[in-house]
Amino acid sequence: MEEIKRAIVEFAEASGKSKFYFKDMEKGVRERIPEAATRDVKKAATELVSEGILIYYSTGSSTMYGLRGRGITEDPE
């Protein structure tokens, strides 16, 4: 699981976008870890959100992920 989490963070840091869809993130992880199951990638992403490394970003019709503190990904408080 730690290897998948590391791959997600590396994908997010290398991405040119501040927000990305799960499918894009999953594709980035699979380039590095071909045997990664969708369920494991989703579980790792959820753990990263719980740890405060990633955040959810809702467009209203879909949910995206973003790396905390990068771009306009957080709601103003």
PDB file of N, CA and C in Angstrom:
ATOM      1  N   MET A   1       0.826  -1.199   0.000  1.00  0.00           N
ATOM      2  CA  MET A   1       0.000   0.000   0.000  1.00  0.00           C
ATOM      3  C   MET A   1       0.872   1.265   0.000  1.00  0.00           C
ATOM      4  N   GLU A   2       1.982   1.224   0.739  1.00  0.00           N
ATOM      5  CA  GLU A   2       2.862   2.394   0.793  1.00  0.00           C
ATOM      6  C   GLU A   2       3.449   2.716  -0.587  1.00  0.00           C
ATOM      7  N   GLU A   3       3.738   1.679  -1.355  1.00  0.00           N
ATOM      8  CA  GLU A   3       4.295   1.892  -2.696  1.00  0.00           C
ATOM      9  C   GLU A   3       3.263   2.586  -3.593  1.00  0.00           C
ATOM     10  N   ILE A   4       2.002   2.199  -3.465  1.00  0.00           N
ATOM     11  CA  ILE A   4       0.933   2.819  -4.253  1.00  0.00           C
ATOM     12  C   ILE A   4       0.748   4.274  -3.820  1.00  0.00           C
ATOM     13  N   LYS A   5       0.779   4.517  -2.519  1.00  0.00           N
ATOM     14  CA  LYS A   5       0.642   5.881  -2.023  1.00  0.00           C
ATOM     15  C   LYS A   5       1.780   6.764  -2.532  1.00  0.00           C
ATOM     16  N   ARG A   6       2.990   6.221  -2.539  1.00  0.00           N
ATOM     17  CA  ARG A   6       4.142   6.960  -3.046  1.00  0.00           C
ATOM     18  C   ARG A   6       3.968   7.266  -4.530  1.00  0.00           C
ATOM     19  N   ALA A   7       3.448   6.294  -5.286  1.00  0.00           N
ATOM     20  CA  ALA A   7       3.223   6.493  -6.723  1.00  0.00           C
ATOM     21  C   ALA A   7       2.155   7.568  -6.963  1.00  0.00           C
ATOM     22  N   ILE A   8       1.132   7.607  -6.128  1.00  0.00           N
ATOM     23  CA  ILE A   8       0.080   8.625  -6.260  1.00  0.00           C
ATOM     24  C   ILE A   8       0.667  10.019  -6.022  1.00  0.00           C
ATOM     25  N   VAL A   9       1.446  10.163  -4.967  1.00  0.00           N
ATOM     26  CA  VAL A   9       2.038  11.466  -4.648  1.00  0.00           C
ATOM     27  C   VAL A   9       2.989  11.905  -5.760  1.00  0.00           C
ATOM     28  N   GLU A  10       3.782  10.976  -6.270  1.00  0.00           N
ATOM     29  CA  GLU A  10       4.696  11.315  -7.362  1.00  0.00           C
ATOM     30  C   GLU A  10       3.923  11.716  -8.615  1.00  0.00           C
ATOM     31  N   PHE A  11       2.816  11.017  -8.891  1.00  0.00           N
ATOM     32  CA  PHE A  11       1.972  11.394 -10.028  1.00  0.00           C
ATOM     33  C   PHE A  11       1.430  12.811  -9.836  1.00  0.00           C
ATOM     34  N   ALA A  12       0.929  13.094  -8.630  1.00  0.00           N
ATOM     35  CA  ALA A  12       0.340  14.412  -8.359  1.00  0.00           C
ATOM     36  C   ALA A  12       1.385  15.516  -8.473  1.00  0.00           C
ATOM     37  N   GLU A  13       2.596  15.257  -7.988  1.00  0.00           N
ATOM     38  CA  GLU A  13       3.653  16.269  -8.061  1.00  0.00           C
ATOM     39  C   GLU A  13       4.117  16.497  -9.496  1.00  0.00           C
ATOM     40  N   ALA A  14       4.138  15.440 -10.297  1.00  0.00           N
ATOM     41  CA  ALA A  14       4.605  15.545 -11.683  1.00  0.00           C
ATOM     42  C   ALA A  14       3.526  16.069 -12.627  1.00  0.00           C
ATOM     43  N   SER A  15       2.277  15.987 -12.199  1.00  0.00           N
ATOM     44  CA  SER A  15       1.174  16.418 -13.043  1.00  0.00           C
ATOM     45  C   SER A  15       1.233  17.925 -13.273  1.00  0.00           C
ATOM     46  N   GLY A  16       0.912  18.332 -14.472  1.00  0.00           N
ATOM     47  CA  GLY A  16       0.884  19.746 -14.790  1.00  0.00           C
ATOM     48  C   GLY A  16      -0.380  20.434 -14.305  1.00  0.00           C
ATOM     49  N   LYS A  17      -1.303  19.643 -13.797  1.00  0.00           N
ATOM     50  CA  LYS A  17      -2.590  20.179 -13.346  1.00  0.00           C
ATOM     51  C   LYS A  17      -2.672  20.127 -11.819  1.00  0.00           C
ATOM     52  N   SER A  18      -3.441  21.042 -11.256  1.00  0.00           N
ATOM     53  CA  SER A  18      -3.595  21.046  -9.797  1.00  0.00           C
ATOM     54  C   SER A  18      -4.697  20.090  -9.347  1.00  0.00           C
ATOM     55  N   LYS A  19      -5.577  19.702 -10.269  1.00  0.00           N
ATOM     56  CA  LYS A  19      -6.660  18.760  -9.966  1.00  0.00           C
ATOM     57  C   LYS A  19      -6.677  17.685 -11.039  1.00  0.00           C
ATOM     58  N   PHE A  20      -7.071  16.480 -10.652  1.00  0.00           N
ATOM     59  CA  PHE A  20      -7.093  15.389 -11.618  1.00  0.00           C
ATOM     60  C   PHE A  20      -8.161  14.382 -11.222  1.00  0.00           C
ATOM     61  N   TYR A  21      -8.652  13.676 -12.215  1.00  0.00           N
ATOM     62  CA  TYR A  21      -9.665  12.649 -12.000  1.00  0.00           C
ATOM     63  C   TYR A  21      -9.013  11.365 -11.499  1.00  0.00           C
ATOM     64  N   PHE A  22      -9.814  10.533 -10.844  1.00  0.00           N
ATOM     65  CA  PHE A  22      -9.314   9.258 -10.346  1.00  0.00           C
ATOM     66  C   PHE A  22      -8.741   8.409 -11.474  1.00  0.00           C
ATOM     67  N   LYS A  23      -9.428   8.366 -12.606  1.00  0.00           N
ATOM     68  CA  LYS A  23      -8.965   7.545 -13.734  1.00  0.00           C
ATOM     69  C   LYS A  23      -7.568   7.967 -14.195  1.00  0.00           C
ATOM     70  N   ASP A  24      -7.297   9.271 -14.213  1.00  0.00           N
ATOM     71  CA  ASP A  24      -5.969   9.755 -14.600  1.00  0.00           C
ATOM     72  C   ASP A  24      -4.925   9.340 -13.570  1.00  0.00           C
ATOM     73  N   MET A  25      -5.297   9.462 -12.301  1.00  0.00           N
ATOM     74  CA  MET A  25      -4.389   9.068 -11.229  1.00  0.00           C
ATOM     75  C   MET A  25      -4.118   7.562 -11.282  1.00  0.00           C
ATOM     76  N   GLU A  26      -5.159   6.788 -11.509  1.00  0.00           N
ATOM     77  CA  GLU A  26      -5.006   5.339 -11.598  1.00  0.00           C
ATOM     78  C   GLU A  26      -4.083   4.961 -12.763  1.00  0.00           C
ATOM     79  N   LYS A  27      -4.239   5.630 -13.881  1.00  0.00           N
ATOM     80  CA  LYS A  27      -3.385   5.368 -15.046  1.00  0.00           C
ATOM     81  C   LYS A  27      -1.925   5.691 -14.722  1.00  0.00           C
ATOM     82  N   GLY A  28      -1.689   6.788 -14.024  1.00  0.00           N
ATOM     83  CA  GLY A  28      -0.338   7.161 -13.620  1.00  0.00           C
ATOM     84  C   GLY A  28       0.286   6.142 -12.678  1.00  0.00           C
ATOM     85  N   VAL A  29      -0.511   5.611 -11.767  1.00  0.00           N
ATOM     86  CA  VAL A  29      -0.017   4.589 -10.842  1.00  0.00           C
ATOM     87  C   VAL A  29       0.288   3.307 -11.596  1.00  0.00           C
ATOM     88  N   ARG A  30      -0.583   2.933 -12.527  1.00  0.00           N
ATOM     89  CA  ARG A  30      -0.390   1.685 -13.277  1.00  0.00           C
ATOM     90  C   ARG A  30       0.837   1.731 -14.191  1.00  0.00           C
ATOM     91  N   GLU A  31       1.258   2.912 -14.598  1.00  0.00           N
ATOM     92  CA  GLU A  31       2.484   3.022 -15.385  1.00  0.00           C
ATOM     93  C   GLU A  31       3.685   2.605 -14.549  1.00  0.00           C
ATOM     94  N   ARG A  32       3.593   2.842 -13.260  1.00  0.00           N
ATOM     95  CA  ARG A  32       4.687   2.515 -12.348  1.00  0.00           C
ATOM     96  C   ARG A  32       4.507   1.154 -11.692  1.00  0.00           C
ATOM     97  N   ILE A  33       3.256   0.809 -11.379  1.00  0.00           N
ATOM     98  CA  ILE A  33       2.944  -0.465 -10.720  1.00  0.00           C
ATOM     99  C   ILE A  33       1.831  -1.135 -11.528  1.00  0.00           C
ATOM    100  N   PRO A  34       2.173  -1.880 -12.569  1.00  0.00           N
ATOM    101  CA  PRO A  34       1.160  -2.466 -13.463  1.00  0.00           C
ATOM    102  C   PRO A  34       0.159  -3.392 -12.779  1.00  0.00           C
ATOM    103  N   GLU A  35       0.560  -4.038 -11.701  1.00  0.00           N
ATOM    104  CA  GLU A  35      -0.334  -4.994 -11.040  1.00  0.00           C
ATOM    105  C   GLU A  35      -1.257  -4.346  -9.996  1.00  0.00           C
ATOM    106  N   ALA A  36      -1.211  -3.015  -9.862  1.00  0.00           N
ATOM    107  CA  ALA A  36      -2.044  -2.326  -8.871  1.00  0.00           C
ATOM    108  C   ALA A  36      -3.521  -2.457  -9.236  1.00  0.00           C
ATOM    109  N   ALA A  37      -4.307  -2.935  -8.294  1.00  0.00           N
ATOM    110  CA  ALA A  37      -5.748  -3.091  -8.499  1.00  0.00           C
ATOM    111  C   ALA A  37      -6.449  -1.752  -8.276  1.00  0.00           C
ATOM    112  N   THR A  38      -7.539  -1.549  -8.985  1.00  0.00           N
ATOM    113  CA  THR A  38      -8.313  -0.310  -8.850  1.00  0.00           C
ATOM    114  C   THR A  38      -8.708  -0.081  -7.398  1.00  0.00           C
ATOM    115  N   ARG A  39      -9.140  -1.129  -6.731  1.00  0.00           N
ATOM    116  CA  ARG A  39      -9.572  -1.017  -5.336  1.00  0.00           C
ATOM    117  C   ARG A  39      -8.418  -0.555  -4.435  1.00  0.00           C
ATOM    118  N   ASP A  40      -7.215  -1.065  -4.692  1.00  0.00           N
ATOM    119  CA  ASP A  40      -6.059  -0.672  -3.889  1.00  0.00           C
ATOM    120  C   ASP A  40      -5.676   0.788  -4.133  1.00  0.00           C
ATOM    121  N   VAL A  41      -5.772   1.243  -5.381  1.00  0.00           N
ATOM    122  CA  VAL A  41      -5.466   2.641  -5.702  1.00  0.00           C
ATOM    123  C   VAL A  41      -6.480   3.553  -5.010  1.00  0.00           C
ATOM    124  N   LYS A  42      -7.747   3.175  -5.047  1.00  0.00           N
ATOM    125  CA  LYS A  42      -8.803   3.964  -4.398  1.00  0.00           C
ATOM    126  C   LYS A  42      -8.586   4.015  -2.889  1.00  0.00           C
ATOM    127  N   LYS A  43      -8.237   2.873  -2.304  1.00  0.00           N
ATOM    128  CA  LYS A  43      -7.998   2.813  -0.863  1.00  0.00           C
ATOM    129  C   LYS A  43      -6.800   3.678  -0.472  1.00  0.00           C
ATOM    130  N   ALA A  44      -5.726   3.618  -1.256  1.00  0.00           N
ATOM    131  CA  ALA A  44      -4.537   4.431  -0.987  1.00  0.00           C
ATOM    132  C   ALA A  44      -4.857   5.918  -1.108  1.00  0.00           C
ATOM    133  N   ALA A  45      -5.640   6.290  -2.115  1.00  0.00           N
ATOM    134  CA  ALA A  45      -6.015   7.697  -2.295  1.00  0.00           C
ATOM    135  C   ALA A  45      -6.852   8.187  -1.114  1.00  0.00           C
ATOM    136  N   THR A  46      -7.754   7.347  -0.639  1.00  0.00           N
ATOM    137  CA  THR A  46      -8.581   7.710   0.513  1.00  0.00           C
ATOM    138  C   THR A  46      -7.718   7.896   1.755  1.00  0.00           C
ATOM    139  N   GLU A  47      -6.719   7.038   1.933  1.00  0.00           N
ATOM    140  CA  GLU A  47      -5.804   7.187   3.063  1.00  0.00           C
ATOM    141  C   GLU A  47      -5.015   8.487   2.956  1.00  0.00           C
ATOM    142  N   LEU A  48      -4.583   8.840   1.737  1.00  0.00           N
ATOM    143  CA  LEU A  48      -3.845  10.093   1.547  1.00  0.00           C
ATOM    144  C   LEU A  48      -4.724  11.299   1.850  1.00  0.00           C
ATOM    145  N   VAL A  49      -6.008  11.214   1.552  1.00  0.00           N
ATOM    146  CA  VAL A  49      -6.936  12.298   1.892  1.00  0.00           C
ATOM    147  C   VAL A  49      -7.062  12.386   3.409  1.00  0.00           C
ATOM    148  N   SER A  50      -7.179  11.237   4.075  1.00  0.00           N
ATOM    149  CA  SER A  50      -7.284  11.213   5.535  1.00  0.00           C
ATOM    150  C   SER A  50      -6.036  11.773   6.203  1.00  0.00           C
ATOM    151  N   GLU A  51      -4.871  11.534   5.585  1.00  0.00           N
ATOM    152  CA  GLU A  51      -3.605  12.031   6.118  1.00  0.00           C
ATOM    153  C   GLU A  51      -3.378  13.506   5.802  1.00  0.00           C
ATOM    154  N   GLY A  52      -4.220  14.087   4.954  1.00  0.00           N
ATOM    155  CA  GLY A  52      -4.098  15.497   4.616  1.00  0.00           C
ATOM    156  C   GLY A  52      -3.120  15.794   3.494  1.00  0.00           C
ATOM    157  N   ILE A  53      -2.683  14.776   2.771  1.00  0.00           N
ATOM    158  CA  ILE A  53      -1.747  14.982   1.661  1.00  0.00           C
ATOM    159  C   ILE A  53      -2.512  15.334   0.388  1.00  0.00           C
ATOM    160  N   LEU A  54      -3.605  14.638   0.153  1.00  0.00           N
ATOM    161  CA  LEU A  54      -4.495  14.937  -0.968  1.00  0.00           C
ATOM    162  C   LEU A  54      -5.785  15.524  -0.422  1.00  0.00           C
ATOM    163  N   ILE A  55      -6.504  16.225  -1.287  1.00  0.00           N
ATOM    164  CA  ILE A  55      -7.836  16.709  -0.920  1.00  0.00           C
ATOM    165  C   ILE A  55      -8.795  16.375  -2.051  1.00  0.00           C
ATOM    166  N   TYR A  56     -10.068  16.296  -1.688  1.00  0.00           N
ATOM    167  CA  TYR A  56     -11.123  16.128  -2.685  1.00  0.00           C
ATOM    168  C   TYR A  56     -11.496  17.494  -3.223  1.00  0.00           C
ATOM    169  N   TYR A  57     -11.860  17.542  -4.480  1.00  0.00           N
ATOM    170  CA  TYR A  57     -12.358  18.770  -5.089  1.00  0.00           C
ATOM    171  C   TYR A  57     -13.607  18.393  -5.872  1.00  0.00           C
ATOM    172  N   SER A  58     -14.725  18.971  -5.517  1.00  0.00           N
ATOM    173  CA  SER A  58     -15.978  18.639  -6.177  1.00  0.00           C
ATOM    174  C   SER A  58     -16.363  19.724  -7.167  1.00  0.00           C
ATOM    175  N   THR A  59     -16.684  19.305  -8.388  1.00  0.00           N
ATOM    176  CA  THR A  59     -17.147  20.246  -9.397  1.00  0.00           C
ATOM    177  C   THR A  59     -18.668  20.312  -9.406  1.00  0.00           C
ATOM    178  N   GLY A  60     -19.279  19.539  -8.543  1.00  0.00           N
ATOM    179  CA  GLY A  60     -20.729  19.468  -8.502  1.00  0.00           C
ATOM    180  C   GLY A  60     -21.232  18.218  -9.194  1.00  0.00           C
ATOM    181  N   SER A  61     -20.623  17.880 -10.309  1.00  0.00           N
ATOM    182  CA  SER A  61     -21.050  16.685 -11.039  1.00  0.00           C
ATOM    183  C   SER A  61     -20.023  15.556 -10.932  1.00  0.00           C
ATOM    184  N   SER A  62     -18.804  15.893 -10.553  1.00  0.00           N
ATOM    185  CA  SER A  62     -17.782  14.856 -10.410  1.00  0.00           C
ATOM    186  C   SER A  62     -16.802  15.270  -9.316  1.00  0.00           C
ATOM    187  N   THR A  63     -16.089  14.285  -8.818  1.00  0.00           N
ATOM    188  CA  THR A  63     -15.110  14.539  -7.769  1.00  0.00           C
ATOM    189  C   THR A  63     -13.716  14.362  -8.342  1.00  0.00           C
ATOM    190  N   MET A  64     -12.861  15.303  -8.006  1.00  0.00           N
ATOM    191  CA  MET A  64     -11.476  15.253  -8.454  1.00  0.00           C
ATOM    192  C   MET A  64     -10.581  15.236  -7.217  1.00  0.00           C
ATOM    193  N   TYR A  65      -9.331  14.936  -7.430  1.00  0.00           N
ATOM    194  CA  TYR A  65      -8.346  14.950  -6.356  1.00  0.00           C
ATOM    195  C   TYR A  65      -7.355  16.063  -6.630  1.00  0.00           C
ATOM    196  N   GLY A  66      -6.751  16.564  -5.580  1.00  0.00           N
ATOM    197  CA  GLY A  66      -5.720  17.577  -5.720  1.00  0.00           C
ATOM    198  C   GLY A  66      -4.688  17.423  -4.627  1.00  0.00           C
ATOM    199  N   LEU A  67      -3.485  17.858  -4.895  1.00  0.00           N
ATOM    200  CA  LEU A  67      -2.414  17.845  -3.909  1.00  0.00           C
ATOM    201  C   LEU A  67      -2.592  19.068  -3.025  1.00  0.00           C
ATOM    202  N   ARG A  68      -2.690  18.867  -1.725  1.00  0.00           N
ATOM    203  CA  ARG A  68      -2.953  19.974  -0.795  1.00  0.00           C
ATOM    204  C   ARG A  68      -1.918  21.084  -0.976  1.00  0.00           C
ATOM    205  N   GLY A  69      -2.426  22.313  -1.077  1.00  0.00           N
ATOM    206  CA  GLY A  69      -1.560  23.477  -1.186  1.00  0.00           C
ATOM    207  C   GLY A  69      -1.077  23.794  -2.594  1.00  0.00           C
ATOM    208  N   ARG A  70      -1.518  23.035  -3.563  1.00  0.00           N
ATOM    209  CA  ARG A  70      -1.078  23.276  -4.949  1.00  0.00           C
ATOM    210  C   ARG A  70      -2.251  23.776  -5.768  1.00  0.00           C
ATOM    211  N   GLY A  71      -2.110  24.952  -6.333  1.00  0.00           N
ATOM    212  CA  GLY A  71      -3.174  25.515  -7.156  1.00  0.00           C
ATOM    213  C   GLY A  71      -4.366  25.935  -6.324  1.00  0.00           C
ATOM    214  N   ILE A  72      -5.480  26.115  -6.979  1.00  0.00           N
ATOM    215  CA  ILE A  72      -6.700  26.512  -6.290  1.00  0.00           C
ATOM    216  C   ILE A  72      -7.504  25.247  -6.024  1.00  0.00           C
ATOM    217  N   THR A  73      -7.099  24.528  -4.992  1.00  0.00           N
ATOM    218  CA  THR A  73      -7.762  23.272  -4.694  1.00  0.00           C
ATOM    219  C   THR A  73      -8.505  23.294  -3.379  1.00  0.00           C
ATOM    220  N   GLU A  74      -8.297  24.306  -2.583  1.00  0.00           N
ATOM    221  CA  GLU A  74      -8.915  24.345  -1.264  1.00  0.00           C
ATOM    222  C   GLU A  74      -9.969  25.448  -1.199  1.00  0.00           C
ATOM    223  N   ASP A  75     -11.011  25.174  -0.424  1.00  0.00           N
ATOM    224  CA  ASP A  75     -12.044  26.169  -0.198  1.00  0.00           C
ATOM    225  C   ASP A  75     -11.493  27.259   0.716  1.00  0.00           C
ATOM    226  N   PRO A  76     -11.742  28.534   0.399  1.00  0.00           N
ATOM    227  CA  PRO A  76     -11.285  29.593   1.302  1.00  0.00           C
ATOM    228  C   PRO A  76     -12.043  29.518   2.615  1.00  0.00           C
ATOM    229  N   GLU A  77     -11.379  29.773   3.698  1.00  0.00           N
ATOM    230  CA  GLU A  77     -12.026  29.694   5.027  1.00  0.00           C
ATOM    231  C   GLU A  77     -12.370  31.046   5.545  1.00  0.00           C
TER     232      GLU A  77
END
